Amino acid sequence: MDLKRLTVPELRQLAKNAQARNSQDILEAVGLELFDRGEARSTDLKHITWNQERVRSALIAFKEVASKIKGNKRTAYTEAGGLKIGLRKDHPDWLWVDTYSAIKTQLGNAVFYCYIKKPGQDPEFGIKLDEVVLCTYTPNELDAALEEWKKMALNIST
């Protein structure tokens, strides 16, 4: 089926039918098509494998680490990073998801981030210290990333 030939109402009806049949692949394809057309609503994108809700769940433990740092001068967690909120959606650096946890003390400014350029792409997770990317992670490496984040928090909080 060529989704590009369908109108927006037809795409939404197709998604409704696909949801009734629990057809995840069709739901995701329709959401991506609506996004590409600039017509997507948040409800159209909730079936994308990596969306803001899933990122939020993945970063809970990172947020908890940052929240425990006394004297933290940064927001422990935000979903409104500058590459999402500060740029127009047609800007080449704009990100669909720019979510991070941050810790800032006199010893450094550490950020654990999640970037997703557009719906349907895999997230990029990483740790920055003073704006330098130290390492990046795939979704399958989040346990290792959390251990590194805990070490980072300990190093810049003592």
C-alpha atoms as a PDB file:
ATOM      1  CA  MET A   1       0.000   0.000   0.000  1.00  0.00           C
ATOM      2  CA  ASP A   2       1.385   3.404  -0.976  1.00  0.00           C
ATOM      3  CA  LEU A   3       0.696   5.666   2.005  1.00  0.00           C
ATOM      4  CA  LYS A   4       1.797   8.734   0.062  1.00  0.00           C
ATOM      5  CA  ARG A   5      -1.355   8.478  -2.064  1.00  0.00           C
ATOM      6  CA  LEU A   6      -3.686   8.592   0.931  1.00  0.00           C
ATOM      7  CA  THR A   7      -5.117  11.815   2.314  1.00  0.00           C
ATOM      8  CA  VAL A   8      -4.588  12.739   5.964  1.00  0.00           C
ATOM      9  CA  PRO A   9      -8.133  11.634   6.925  1.00  0.00           C
ATOM     10  CA  GLU A  10      -7.574   8.357   5.067  1.00  0.00           C
ATOM     11  CA  LEU A  11      -4.304   7.825   6.920  1.00  0.00           C
ATOM     12  CA  ARG A  12      -5.984   8.447  10.257  1.00  0.00           C
ATOM     13  CA  GLN A  13      -8.747   5.982   9.384  1.00  0.00           C
ATOM     14  CA  LEU A  14      -6.131   3.422   8.346  1.00  0.00           C
ATOM     15  CA  ALA A  15      -4.402   3.917  11.704  1.00  0.00           C
ATOM     16  CA  LYS A  16      -7.692   3.499  13.545  1.00  0.00           C
ATOM     17  CA  ASN A  17      -8.348   0.227  11.706  1.00  0.00           C
ATOM     18  CA  ALA A  18      -4.769  -0.947  12.297  1.00  0.00           C
ATOM     19  CA  GLN A  19      -5.088  -0.234  16.012  1.00  0.00           C
ATOM     20  CA  ALA A  20      -8.251  -2.330  16.174  1.00  0.00           C
ATOM     21  CA  ARG A  21      -6.299  -5.196  14.538  1.00  0.00           C
ATOM     22  CA  ASN A  22      -3.180  -4.530  16.663  1.00  0.00           C
ATOM     23  CA  SER A  23      -1.069  -3.973  13.520  1.00  0.00           C
ATOM     24  CA  GLN A  24       1.943  -2.178  15.011  1.00  0.00           C
ATOM     25  CA  ASP A  25       3.838  -1.947  11.715  1.00  0.00           C
ATOM     26  CA  ILE A  26       0.967  -0.122   9.986  1.00  0.00           C
ATOM     27  CA  LEU A  27       0.454   2.209  12.960  1.00  0.00           C
ATOM     28  CA  GLU A  28       4.130   3.142  12.929  1.00  0.00           C
ATOM     29  CA  ALA A  29       4.214   3.607   9.139  1.00  0.00           C
ATOM     30  CA  VAL A  30       1.161   5.886   9.239  1.00  0.00           C
ATOM     31  CA  GLY A  31       2.667   7.929  12.089  1.00  0.00           C
ATOM     32  CA  LEU A  32       5.901   8.377  10.133  1.00  0.00           C
ATOM     33  CA  GLU A  33       4.015   9.414   6.995  1.00  0.00           C
ATOM     34  CA  LEU A  34       1.993  11.974   8.954  1.00  0.00           C
ATOM     35  CA  PHE A  35       5.201  13.303  10.529  1.00  0.00           C
ATOM     36  CA  ASP A  36       6.879  13.626   7.124  1.00  0.00           C
ATOM     37  CA  ARG A  37       3.883  15.643   5.913  1.00  0.00           C
ATOM     38  CA  GLY A  38       3.950  17.891   8.987  1.00  0.00           C
ATOM     39  CA  GLU A  39       0.495  16.644  10.007  1.00  0.00           C
ATOM     40  CA  ALA A  40       1.359  14.377  12.949  1.00  0.00           C
ATOM     41  CA  ARG A  41      -0.249  14.826  16.332  1.00  0.00           C
ATOM     42  CA  SER A  42       1.263  13.327  19.465  1.00  0.00           C
ATOM     43  CA  THR A  43      -1.367  10.575  19.341  1.00  0.00           C
ATOM     44  CA  ASP A  44      -0.195   9.653  15.824  1.00  0.00           C
ATOM     45  CA  LEU A  45       3.346   9.135  17.107  1.00  0.00           C
ATOM     46  CA  LYS A  46       2.662   7.208  20.313  1.00  0.00           C
ATOM     47  CA  HIS A  47       3.094   3.918  18.433  1.00  0.00           C
ATOM     48  CA  ILE A  48       6.623   4.740  17.301  1.00  0.00           C
ATOM     49  CA  THR A  49       9.008   2.336  19.025  1.00  0.00           C
ATOM     50  CA  TRP A  50      11.245   5.058  20.500  1.00  0.00           C
ATOM     51  CA  ASN A  51       9.070   8.047  21.389  1.00  0.00           C
ATOM     52  CA  GLN A  52       9.183  10.635  24.179  1.00  0.00           C
ATOM     53  CA  GLU A  53       7.277   8.391  26.581  1.00  0.00           C
ATOM     54  CA  ARG A  54       9.727   5.514  26.127  1.00  0.00           C
ATOM     55  CA  VAL A  55      12.709   7.871  26.483  1.00  0.00           C
ATOM     56  CA  ARG A  56      11.171   9.238  29.682  1.00  0.00           C
ATOM     57  CA  SER A  57      10.958   5.705  31.091  1.00  0.00           C
ATOM     58  CA  ALA A  58      14.512   4.903  30.013  1.00  0.00           C
ATOM     59  CA  LEU A  59      15.929   8.002  31.743  1.00  0.00           C
ATOM     60  CA  ILE A  60      14.171   7.663  35.109  1.00  0.00           C
ATOM     61  CA  ALA A  61      17.215   6.065  36.752  1.00  0.00           C
ATOM     62  CA  PHE A  62      19.529   8.759  35.320  1.00  0.00           C
ATOM     63  CA  LYS A  63      17.225  11.461  36.673  1.00  0.00           C
ATOM     64  CA  GLU A  64      17.250   9.821  40.109  1.00  0.00           C
ATOM     65  CA  VAL A  65      21.063   9.882  40.183  1.00  0.00           C
ATOM     66  CA  ALA A  66      21.174  13.580  39.265  1.00  0.00           C
ATOM     67  CA  SER A  67      18.420  14.431  41.751  1.00  0.00           C
ATOM     68  CA  LYS A  68      20.503  13.087  44.638  1.00  0.00           C
ATOM     69  CA  ILE A  69      23.479  15.404  44.014  1.00  0.00           C
ATOM     70  CA  LYS A  70      23.578  18.137  46.648  1.00  0.00           C
ATOM     71  CA  GLY A  71      24.222  21.574  45.228  1.00  0.00           C
ATOM     72  CA  ASN A  72      23.365  20.532  41.660  1.00  0.00           C
ATOM     73  CA  LYS A  73      23.126  23.756  39.653  1.00  0.00           C
ATOM     74  CA  ARG A  74      21.392  22.123  36.676  1.00  0.00           C
ATOM     75  CA  THR A  75      17.935  20.708  36.159  1.00  0.00           C
ATOM     76  CA  ALA A  76      18.108  17.023  37.057  1.00  0.00           C
ATOM     77  CA  TYR A  77      15.882  16.131  34.067  1.00  0.00           C
ATOM     78  CA  THR A  78      14.206  17.873  31.159  1.00  0.00           C
ATOM     79  CA  GLU A  79      12.443  16.897  27.962  1.00  0.00           C
ATOM     80  CA  ALA A  80      12.901  20.366  26.499  1.00  0.00           C
ATOM     81  CA  GLY A  81      16.505  20.525  25.385  1.00  0.00           C
ATOM     82  CA  GLY A  82      17.639  23.423  23.207  1.00  0.00           C
ATOM     83  CA  LEU A  83      17.808  21.380  20.013  1.00  0.00           C
ATOM     84  CA  LYS A  84      14.102  20.610  20.389  1.00  0.00           C
ATOM     85  CA  ILE A  85      12.668  23.788  21.874  1.00  0.00           C
ATOM     86  CA  GLY A  86      15.071  26.470  20.663  1.00  0.00           C
ATOM     87  CA  LEU A  87      14.956  25.726  16.928  1.00  0.00           C
ATOM     88  CA  ARG A  88      12.274  25.694  14.248  1.00  0.00           C
ATOM     89  CA  LYS A  89      11.235  22.222  13.110  1.00  0.00           C
ATOM     90  CA  ASP A  90      12.684  22.830   9.651  1.00  0.00           C
ATOM     91  CA  HIS A  91      16.113  23.770  11.076  1.00  0.00           C
ATOM     92  CA  PRO A  92      18.730  21.102  10.204  1.00  0.00           C
ATOM     93  CA  ASP A  93      19.840  20.771  13.846  1.00  0.00           C
ATOM     94  CA  TRP A  94      16.310  20.421  15.270  1.00  0.00           C
ATOM     95  CA  LEU A  95      15.659  17.187  17.170  1.00  0.00           C
ATOM     96  CA  TRP A  96      12.350  15.423  17.698  1.00  0.00           C
ATOM     97  CA  VAL A  97      13.595  14.286  21.128  1.00  0.00           C
ATOM     98  CA  ASP A  98      16.221  16.211  23.101  1.00  0.00           C
ATOM     99  CA  THR A  99      15.930  14.901  26.632  1.00  0.00           C
ATOM    100  CA  TYR A 100      18.630  14.930  29.250  1.00  0.00           C
ATOM    101  CA  SER A 101      19.642  14.607  32.863  1.00  0.00           C
ATOM    102  CA  ALA A 102      22.305  17.028  34.113  1.00  0.00           C
ATOM    103  CA  ILE A 103      24.619  17.667  37.039  1.00  0.00           C
ATOM    104  CA  LYS A 104      26.681  20.813  37.516  1.00  0.00           C
ATOM    105  CA  THR A 105      29.046  21.472  40.396  1.00  0.00           C
ATOM    106  CA  GLN A 106      32.276  23.431  40.697  1.00  0.00           C
ATOM    107  CA  LEU A 107      34.041  20.256  39.441  1.00  0.00           C
ATOM    108  CA  GLY A 108      32.165  19.972  36.151  1.00  0.00           C
ATOM    109  CA  ASN A 109      29.024  20.078  34.066  1.00  0.00           C
ATOM    110  CA  ALA A 110      27.856  16.555  33.169  1.00  0.00           C
ATOM    111  CA  VAL A 111      24.935  15.643  30.929  1.00  0.00           C
ATOM    112  CA  PHE A 112      23.395  12.289  30.073  1.00  0.00           C
ATOM    113  CA  TYR A 113      21.396  12.901  26.911  1.00  0.00           C
ATOM    114  CA  CYS A 114      19.035  11.197  24.508  1.00  0.00           C
ATOM    115  CA  TYR A 115      18.679  12.558  20.989  1.00  0.00           C
ATOM    116  CA  ILE A 116      16.293  11.359  18.292  1.00  0.00           C
ATOM    117  CA  LYS A 117      16.418  13.311  15.037  1.00  0.00           C
ATOM    118  CA  LYS A 118      12.998  12.216  13.809  1.00  0.00           C
ATOM    119  CA  PRO A 119      10.384   9.566  14.547  1.00  0.00           C
ATOM    120  CA  GLY A 120      11.375   6.067  13.509  1.00  0.00           C
ATOM    121  CA  GLN A 121      15.085   6.541  14.154  1.00  0.00           C
ATOM    122  CA  ASP A 122      16.965   4.856  16.961  1.00  0.00           C
ATOM    123  CA  PRO A 123      17.915   7.082  19.876  1.00  0.00           C
ATOM    124  CA  GLU A 124      21.460   8.178  20.574  1.00  0.00           C
ATOM    125  CA  PHE A 125      22.356   8.187  24.241  1.00  0.00           C
ATOM    126  CA  GLY A 126      25.547   9.738  25.534  1.00  0.00           C
ATOM    127  CA  ILE A 127      27.494  11.346  28.318  1.00  0.00           C
ATOM    128  CA  LYS A 128      29.048  14.802  27.984  1.00  0.00           C
ATOM    129  CA  LEU A 129      31.372  16.496  30.416  1.00  0.00           C
ATOM    130  CA  ASP A 130      31.815  20.236  29.941  1.00  0.00           C
ATOM    131  CA  GLU A 131      30.271  19.955  26.437  1.00  0.00           C
ATOM    132  CA  VAL A 132      32.684  17.193  25.325  1.00  0.00           C
ATOM    133  CA  VAL A 133      31.054  13.890  24.375  1.00  0.00           C
ATOM    134  CA  LEU A 134      32.857  11.196  26.346  1.00  0.00           C
ATOM    135  CA  CYS A 135      30.894   8.197  25.114  1.00  0.00           C
ATOM    136  CA  THR A 136      27.736   7.211  23.291  1.00  0.00           C
ATOM    137  CA  TYR A 137      25.396   4.282  23.832  1.00  0.00           C
ATOM    138  CA  THR A 138      22.787   2.283  21.993  1.00  0.00           C
ATOM    139  CA  PRO A 139      19.490   1.399  23.670  1.00  0.00           C
ATOM    140  CA  ASN A 140      20.899  -2.047  24.476  1.00  0.00           C
ATOM    141  CA  GLU A 141      23.767  -0.463  26.434  1.00  0.00           C
ATOM    142  CA  LEU A 142      21.711   1.577  28.904  1.00  0.00           C
ATOM    143  CA  ASP A 143      22.728  -0.548  31.897  1.00  0.00           C
ATOM    144  CA  ALA A 144      26.402   0.189  31.200  1.00  0.00           C
ATOM    145  CA  ALA A 145      25.531   3.844  30.588  1.00  0.00           C
ATOM    146  CA  LEU A 146      23.831   4.070  33.981  1.00  0.00           C
ATOM    147  CA  GLU A 147      26.916   2.673  35.711  1.00  0.00           C
ATOM    148  CA  GLU A 148      29.086   5.291  33.971  1.00  0.00           C
ATOM    149  CA  TRP A 149      26.588   8.023  34.882  1.00  0.00           C
ATOM    150  CA  LYS A 150      26.778   6.984  38.544  1.00  0.00           C
ATOM    151  CA  LYS A 151      30.593   7.165  38.404  1.00  0.00           C
ATOM    152  CA  MET A 152      30.421  10.565  36.730  1.00  0.00           C
ATOM    153  CA  ALA A 153      28.025  11.850  39.401  1.00  0.00           C
ATOM    154  CA  LEU A 154      30.335  10.641  42.140  1.00  0.00           C
ATOM    155  CA  ASN A 155      33.412  12.206  40.498  1.00  0.00           C
ATOM    156  CA  ILE A 156      31.928  15.673  40.059  1.00  0.00           C
ATOM    157  CA  SER A 157      30.109  15.804  43.374  1.00  0.00           C
ATOM    158  CA  THR A 158      33.077  15.183  45.682  1.00  0.00           C
END
